[in-house]
Amino acid sequence: MASVYNQGVHVDKTEIERLKEIARKAERAGQSLILLPPHRSHIDYVTLQWIFFRLGLSLPLVVAGDNLRIPLLGEFLQGAGAFYIRRAWGDDALYATVVQAYVDILLSKGYNFECFIEGTRSRTGRPCS
């Protein structure tokens, strides 16, 4: 949908119109959109938030790693719709159950989600799996 180049952010207008149509249809039906953009930089989620804002659509909640829960930035991101989850859950069944219940509640209320499934990035910005 959007890609970042050295010259700025370039958006495909046809894809934006398609997104707008799908998002409005989902909103009328009380359904959620789950967005799975690449995570090449922190501009990824900012770009999607801006696009949704400009289209007058409900902003997606951002599923963020708890490493971003730091003073000032963490509070700002949370106020902008981010919620934090641990990157590793191990055998913590209670944590998995609580996160699943929270996500289920938000989805049942029609909130849109933005999640980066490939995980984190390296120090050079390359995606890590």
N, C-alpha and C. Protein backbone atom coordinates (compact mmCIF):
# COMPACT_ATOMS: atom_id res chain seq x y z
N MET A 1 0.83 -1.18 0.00
CA MET A 1 0.00 0.00 0.00
C MET A 1 0.87 1.24 0.00
N ALA A 2 1.77 1.36 0.95
CA ALA A 2 2.66 2.50 1.02
C ALA A 2 4.08 1.98 1.09
N SER A 3 4.99 2.67 0.47
CA SER A 3 6.38 2.26 0.56
C SER A 3 7.22 3.50 0.84
N VAL A 4 8.33 3.26 1.52
CA VAL A 4 9.19 4.37 1.91
C VAL A 4 10.44 4.36 1.03
N TYR A 5 10.72 5.48 0.42
CA TYR A 5 11.92 5.68 -0.39
C TYR A 5 12.68 6.83 0.23
N ASN A 6 13.88 7.07 -0.25
CA ASN A 6 14.66 8.19 0.25
C ASN A 6 13.97 9.52 0.00
N GLN A 7 13.10 9.59 -1.01
CA GLN A 7 12.42 10.84 -1.35
C GLN A 7 11.12 11.04 -0.59
N GLY A 8 10.67 10.09 0.19
CA GLY A 8 9.42 10.27 0.93
C GLY A 8 8.57 9.02 0.92
N VAL A 9 7.29 9.20 1.19
CA VAL A 9 6.33 8.10 1.22
C VAL A 9 5.47 8.18 -0.02
N HIS A 10 5.36 7.07 -0.74
CA HIS A 10 4.58 7.01 -1.96
C HIS A 10 3.40 6.07 -1.73
N VAL A 11 2.20 6.54 -2.05
CA VAL A 11 0.98 5.78 -1.78
C VAL A 11 0.26 5.53 -3.10
N ASP A 12 -0.18 4.29 -3.30
CA ASP A 12 -0.92 3.90 -4.49
C ASP A 12 -2.38 4.31 -4.30
N LYS A 13 -2.85 5.27 -5.08
CA LYS A 13 -4.21 5.81 -4.92
C LYS A 13 -5.29 4.76 -5.15
N THR A 14 -5.06 3.84 -6.07
CA THR A 14 -6.05 2.78 -6.31
C THR A 14 -6.20 1.91 -5.07
N GLU A 15 -5.08 1.56 -4.44
CA GLU A 15 -5.12 0.75 -3.23
C GLU A 15 -5.77 1.51 -2.06
N ILE A 16 -5.56 2.81 -2.02
CA ILE A 16 -6.17 3.62 -0.95
C ILE A 16 -7.69 3.62 -1.10
N GLU A 17 -8.17 3.77 -2.33
CA GLU A 17 -9.62 3.74 -2.56
C GLU A 17 -10.19 2.38 -2.20
N ARG A 18 -9.46 1.33 -2.53
CA ARG A 18 -9.89 -0.03 -2.16
C ARG A 18 -9.93 -0.20 -0.64
N LEU A 19 -8.90 0.29 0.03
CA LEU A 19 -8.86 0.23 1.50
C LEU A 19 -10.04 0.99 2.09
N LYS A 20 -10.33 2.17 1.56
CA LYS A 20 -11.43 2.97 2.07
C LYS A 20 -12.76 2.24 1.93
N GLU A 21 -12.97 1.63 0.79
CA GLU A 21 -14.21 0.89 0.56
C GLU A 21 -14.34 -0.30 1.52
N ILE A 22 -13.28 -1.06 1.66
CA ILE A 22 -13.29 -2.23 2.55
C ILE A 22 -13.47 -1.80 4.01
N ALA A 23 -12.77 -0.75 4.42
CA ALA A 23 -12.86 -0.28 5.81
C ALA A 23 -14.26 0.23 6.14
N ARG A 24 -14.87 0.96 5.24
CA ARG A 24 -16.23 1.46 5.49
C ARG A 24 -17.24 0.31 5.55
N LYS A 25 -17.08 -0.67 4.68
CA LYS A 25 -17.95 -1.84 4.70
C LYS A 25 -17.80 -2.60 6.02
N ALA A 26 -16.57 -2.80 6.47
CA ALA A 26 -16.32 -3.50 7.74
C ALA A 26 -16.89 -2.72 8.91
N GLU A 27 -16.73 -1.39 8.87
CA GLU A 27 -17.25 -0.55 9.96
C GLU A 27 -18.77 -0.64 10.06
N ARG A 28 -19.44 -0.61 8.92
CA ARG A 28 -20.90 -0.74 8.92
C ARG A 28 -21.35 -2.08 9.48
N ALA A 29 -20.56 -3.12 9.24
CA ALA A 29 -20.90 -4.47 9.70
C ALA A 29 -20.39 -4.75 11.12
N GLY A 30 -19.71 -3.77 11.74
CA GLY A 30 -19.16 -3.97 13.08
C GLY A 30 -17.99 -4.94 13.09
N GLN A 31 -17.29 -5.03 11.96
CA GLN A 31 -16.16 -5.93 11.85
C GLN A 31 -14.85 -5.16 11.96
N SER A 32 -13.79 -5.88 12.26
CA SER A 32 -12.46 -5.30 12.40
C SER A 32 -11.61 -5.58 11.17
N LEU A 33 -10.69 -4.67 10.91
CA LEU A 33 -9.65 -4.91 9.91
C LEU A 33 -8.38 -5.26 10.69
N ILE A 34 -7.65 -6.23 10.20
CA ILE A 34 -6.37 -6.57 10.80
C ILE A 34 -5.32 -6.29 9.73
N LEU A 35 -4.51 -5.29 9.99
CA LEU A 35 -3.49 -4.84 9.05
C LEU A 35 -2.15 -5.45 9.43
N LEU A 36 -1.45 -6.01 8.45
CA LEU A 36 -0.18 -6.69 8.71
C LEU A 36 0.92 -6.10 7.82
N PRO A 37 1.30 -4.84 8.07
CA PRO A 37 2.32 -4.21 7.23
C PRO A 37 3.72 -4.74 7.55
N PRO A 38 4.67 -4.51 6.63
CA PRO A 38 6.05 -4.85 6.95
C PRO A 38 6.55 -3.89 8.03
N HIS A 39 7.60 -4.25 8.70
CA HIS A 39 8.11 -3.41 9.78
C HIS A 39 9.55 -3.01 9.46
N ARG A 40 9.68 -2.22 8.41
CA ARG A 40 11.01 -1.80 7.99
C ARG A 40 11.50 -0.62 8.82
N SER A 41 10.55 0.15 9.36
CA SER A 41 10.94 1.28 10.22
C SER A 41 9.71 1.67 11.04
N HIS A 42 9.89 2.60 11.95
CA HIS A 42 8.77 3.06 12.76
C HIS A 42 7.82 3.95 11.96
N ILE A 43 8.22 4.33 10.76
CA ILE A 43 7.33 5.14 9.91
C ILE A 43 6.16 4.29 9.41
N ASP A 44 6.30 2.96 9.42
CA ASP A 44 5.24 2.08 8.92
C ASP A 44 3.92 2.32 9.63
N TYR A 45 3.93 2.25 10.97
CA TYR A 45 2.65 2.41 11.66
C TYR A 45 2.20 3.86 11.68
N VAL A 46 3.12 4.79 11.65
CA VAL A 46 2.75 6.20 11.58
C VAL A 46 2.06 6.49 10.25
N THR A 47 2.57 5.90 9.17
CA THR A 47 1.98 6.09 7.84
C THR A 47 0.55 5.56 7.80
N LEU A 48 0.34 4.36 8.31
CA LEU A 48 -1.02 3.81 8.31
C LEU A 48 -1.96 4.64 9.16
N GLN A 49 -1.51 5.10 10.31
CA GLN A 49 -2.34 5.95 11.16
C GLN A 49 -2.73 7.21 10.39
N TRP A 50 -1.78 7.82 9.71
CA TRP A 50 -2.04 9.04 8.96
C TRP A 50 -3.03 8.80 7.81
N ILE A 51 -2.84 7.69 7.09
CA ILE A 51 -3.75 7.36 5.99
C ILE A 51 -5.17 7.17 6.51
N PHE A 52 -5.33 6.39 7.58
CA PHE A 52 -6.66 6.18 8.15
C PHE A 52 -7.26 7.50 8.62
N PHE A 53 -6.47 8.34 9.24
CA PHE A 53 -6.94 9.65 9.71
C PHE A 53 -7.42 10.49 8.53
N ARG A 54 -6.62 10.57 7.48
CA ARG A 54 -6.96 11.39 6.31
C ARG A 54 -8.21 10.88 5.60
N LEU A 55 -8.46 9.55 5.66
CA LEU A 55 -9.64 8.97 5.03
C LEU A 55 -10.87 9.05 5.93
N GLY A 56 -10.69 9.51 7.16
CA GLY A 56 -11.81 9.60 8.09
C GLY A 56 -12.23 8.25 8.64
N LEU A 57 -11.30 7.31 8.69
CA LEU A 57 -11.57 5.97 9.17
C LEU A 57 -11.12 5.82 10.62
N SER A 58 -11.67 4.83 11.31
CA SER A 58 -11.24 4.54 12.68
C SER A 58 -9.78 4.13 12.67
N LEU A 59 -8.99 4.78 13.50
CA LEU A 59 -7.56 4.48 13.54
C LEU A 59 -7.32 3.09 14.10
N PRO A 60 -6.39 2.35 13.52
CA PRO A 60 -6.10 1.02 14.06
C PRO A 60 -5.33 1.10 15.37
N LEU A 61 -5.62 0.16 16.26
CA LEU A 61 -4.82 0.00 17.46
C LEU A 61 -3.53 -0.71 17.04
N VAL A 62 -2.42 -0.30 17.60
CA VAL A 62 -1.14 -0.88 17.23
C VAL A 62 -0.70 -1.85 18.32
N VAL A 63 -0.47 -3.10 17.92
CA VAL A 63 0.05 -4.11 18.83
C VAL A 63 1.56 -3.88 18.88
N ALA A 64 2.04 -3.40 20.02
CA ALA A 64 3.45 -2.99 20.14
C ALA A 64 4.20 -3.89 21.11
N GLY A 65 5.45 -4.12 20.81
CA GLY A 65 6.30 -4.86 21.73
C GLY A 65 6.52 -4.06 23.00
N ASP A 66 6.60 -4.75 24.11
CA ASP A 66 6.75 -4.05 25.39
C ASP A 66 8.08 -3.33 25.52
N ASN A 67 9.01 -3.53 24.60
CA ASN A 67 10.26 -2.79 24.61
C ASN A 67 10.04 -1.30 24.32
N LEU A 68 8.87 -0.96 23.76
CA LEU A 68 8.55 0.45 23.48
C LEU A 68 7.87 1.14 24.65
N ARG A 69 7.64 0.41 25.71
CA ARG A 69 7.01 1.00 26.90
C ARG A 69 8.10 1.68 27.74
N ILE A 70 8.54 2.81 27.24
CA ILE A 70 9.59 3.57 27.91
C ILE A 70 9.03 4.95 28.27
N PRO A 71 9.63 5.62 29.24
CA PRO A 71 9.10 6.93 29.64
C PRO A 71 8.92 7.87 28.44
N LEU A 72 7.87 8.62 28.48
CA LEU A 72 7.45 9.61 27.49
C LEU A 72 7.01 8.97 26.17
N LEU A 73 7.89 8.28 25.47
CA LEU A 73 7.51 7.67 24.19
C LEU A 73 6.42 6.63 24.40
N GLY A 74 6.58 5.78 25.39
CA GLY A 74 5.60 4.73 25.65
C GLY A 74 4.23 5.30 25.98
N GLU A 75 4.21 6.35 26.78
CA GLU A 75 2.94 6.99 27.14
C GLU A 75 2.31 7.66 25.91
N PHE A 76 3.14 8.28 25.09
CA PHE A 76 2.64 8.90 23.87
C PHE A 76 2.03 7.86 22.94
N LEU A 77 2.74 6.76 22.72
CA LEU A 77 2.24 5.71 21.83
C LEU A 77 0.96 5.10 22.37
N GLN A 78 0.91 4.87 23.67
CA GLN A 78 -0.30 4.30 24.27
C GLN A 78 -1.48 5.25 24.09
N GLY A 79 -1.24 6.53 24.26
CA GLY A 79 -2.30 7.52 24.06
C GLY A 79 -2.76 7.58 22.61
N ALA A 80 -1.87 7.18 21.69
CA ALA A 80 -2.20 7.18 20.27
C ALA A 80 -2.82 5.86 19.81
N GLY A 81 -3.02 4.93 20.75
CA GLY A 81 -3.71 3.70 20.40
C GLY A 81 -2.88 2.44 20.43
N ALA A 82 -1.66 2.51 20.92
CA ALA A 82 -0.85 1.30 21.02
C ALA A 82 -1.18 0.56 22.30
N PHE A 83 -1.10 -0.76 22.24
CA PHE A 83 -1.11 -1.54 23.48
C PHE A 83 0.04 -2.52 23.40
N TYR A 84 0.60 -2.82 24.55
CA TYR A 84 1.85 -3.54 24.61
C TYR A 84 1.66 -5.01 24.95
N ILE A 85 2.46 -5.83 24.30
CA ILE A 85 2.50 -7.25 24.64
C ILE A 85 3.97 -7.65 24.75
N ARG A 86 4.22 -8.68 25.53
CA ARG A 86 5.59 -9.20 25.64
C ARG A 86 5.96 -9.87 24.33
N ARG A 87 7.21 -9.84 24.01
CA ARG A 87 7.68 -10.48 22.78
C ARG A 87 7.78 -11.99 22.94
N ALA A 88 8.08 -12.44 24.13
CA ALA A 88 8.18 -13.89 24.38
C ALA A 88 7.22 -14.25 25.50
N TRP A 89 6.42 -15.29 25.27
CA TRP A 89 5.43 -15.69 26.26
C TRP A 89 5.84 -16.96 26.98
N GLY A 90 6.73 -17.72 26.34
CA GLY A 90 7.17 -18.98 26.95
C GLY A 90 5.97 -19.88 27.23
N ASP A 91 5.96 -20.48 28.40
CA ASP A 91 4.87 -21.38 28.80
C ASP A 91 3.86 -20.67 29.70
N ASP A 92 3.81 -19.34 29.63
CA ASP A 92 2.92 -18.57 30.50
C ASP A 92 1.49 -18.61 29.95
N ALA A 93 0.76 -19.65 30.33
CA ALA A 93 -0.61 -19.85 29.83
C ALA A 93 -1.54 -18.73 30.28
N LEU A 94 -1.34 -18.20 31.48
CA LEU A 94 -2.19 -17.12 31.98
C LEU A 94 -2.02 -15.87 31.12
N TYR A 95 -0.77 -15.52 30.80
CA TYR A 95 -0.52 -14.34 29.97
C TYR A 95 -1.18 -14.51 28.61
N ALA A 96 -1.01 -15.69 27.99
CA ALA A 96 -1.61 -15.95 26.68
C ALA A 96 -3.13 -15.83 26.75
N THR A 97 -3.72 -16.33 27.81
CA THR A 97 -5.18 -16.27 27.97
C THR A 97 -5.66 -14.84 28.14
N VAL A 98 -4.94 -14.05 28.92
CA VAL A 98 -5.33 -12.65 29.15
C VAL A 98 -5.20 -11.85 27.85
N VAL A 99 -4.10 -12.02 27.13
CA VAL A 99 -3.92 -11.30 25.86
C VAL A 99 -5.02 -11.71 24.88
N GLN A 100 -5.29 -13.00 24.79
CA GLN A 100 -6.33 -13.48 23.87
C GLN A 100 -7.70 -12.90 24.23
N ALA A 101 -8.02 -12.85 25.52
CA ALA A 101 -9.30 -12.30 25.95
C ALA A 101 -9.39 -10.81 25.60
N TYR A 102 -8.32 -10.07 25.82
CA TYR A 102 -8.30 -8.64 25.51
C TYR A 102 -8.50 -8.41 24.01
N VAL A 103 -7.77 -9.17 23.20
CA VAL A 103 -7.90 -9.04 21.74
C VAL A 103 -9.31 -9.42 21.30
N ASP A 104 -9.86 -10.48 21.86
CA ASP A 104 -11.22 -10.90 21.52
C ASP A 104 -12.24 -9.81 21.81
N ILE A 105 -12.10 -9.15 22.95
CA ILE A 105 -13.02 -8.06 23.32
C ILE A 105 -12.91 -6.92 22.32
N LEU A 106 -11.68 -6.52 22.00
CA LEU A 106 -11.49 -5.42 21.06
C LEU A 106 -12.03 -5.76 19.67
N LEU A 107 -11.78 -6.99 19.22
CA LEU A 107 -12.30 -7.40 17.91
C LEU A 107 -13.82 -7.46 17.90
N SER A 108 -14.41 -7.90 19.01
CA SER A 108 -15.87 -7.98 19.06
C SER A 108 -16.51 -6.60 19.03
N LYS A 109 -15.75 -5.58 19.39
CA LYS A 109 -16.26 -4.20 19.35
C LYS A 109 -15.91 -3.49 18.04
N GLY A 110 -15.27 -4.21 17.10
CA GLY A 110 -15.00 -3.64 15.79
C GLY A 110 -13.75 -2.79 15.68
N TYR A 111 -12.84 -2.86 16.67
CA TYR A 111 -11.60 -2.09 16.59
C TYR A 111 -10.70 -2.67 15.50
N ASN A 112 -10.04 -1.80 14.75
CA ASN A 112 -9.06 -2.22 13.76
C ASN A 112 -7.72 -2.44 14.45
N PHE A 113 -6.93 -3.38 13.92
CA PHE A 113 -5.64 -3.72 14.50
C PHE A 113 -4.53 -3.55 13.48
N GLU A 114 -3.38 -3.19 13.97
CA GLU A 114 -2.17 -3.13 13.15
C GLU A 114 -1.11 -3.93 13.91
N CYS A 115 -0.60 -4.96 13.26
CA CYS A 115 0.33 -5.86 13.93
C CYS A 115 1.46 -6.23 12.98
N PHE A 116 2.65 -6.37 13.52
CA PHE A 116 3.83 -6.68 12.72
C PHE A 116 4.24 -8.11 13.02
N ILE A 117 3.79 -9.06 12.18
CA ILE A 117 3.96 -10.47 12.49
C ILE A 117 5.38 -10.98 12.34
N GLU A 118 6.21 -10.27 11.59
CA GLU A 118 7.57 -10.77 11.42
C GLU A 118 8.43 -10.46 12.63
N GLY A 119 7.89 -9.77 13.58
CA GLY A 119 8.63 -9.52 14.81
C GLY A 119 9.45 -8.25 14.76
N THR A 120 10.64 -8.34 15.21
CA THR A 120 11.47 -7.16 15.42
C THR A 120 12.39 -6.91 14.23
N ARG A 121 13.13 -5.86 14.34
CA ARG A 121 14.13 -5.51 13.34
C ARG A 121 15.50 -5.54 13.99
N SER A 122 16.53 -5.71 13.16
CA SER A 122 17.89 -5.66 13.67
C SER A 122 18.29 -4.21 13.89
N ARG A 123 19.46 -3.98 14.40
CA ARG A 123 19.94 -2.61 14.61
C ARG A 123 20.11 -1.87 13.29
N THR A 124 20.27 -2.60 12.18
CA THR A 124 20.41 -1.97 10.87
C THR A 124 19.07 -1.74 10.20
N GLY A 125 17.97 -2.19 10.83
CA GLY A 125 16.65 -2.02 10.25
C GLY A 125 16.17 -3.19 9.45
N ARG A 126 16.98 -4.22 9.29
CA ARG A 126 16.57 -5.40 8.53
C ARG A 126 15.61 -6.23 9.38
N PRO A 127 14.51 -6.74 8.77
CA PRO A 127 13.57 -7.56 9.52
C PRO A 127 14.23 -8.84 10.04
N CYS A 128 13.86 -9.25 11.23
CA CYS A 128 14.33 -10.50 11.83
C CYS A 128 13.11 -11.38 12.05
N SER A 129 13.29 -12.67 11.93
CA SER A 129 12.16 -13.58 12.17
C SER A 129 12.38 -14.38 13.43
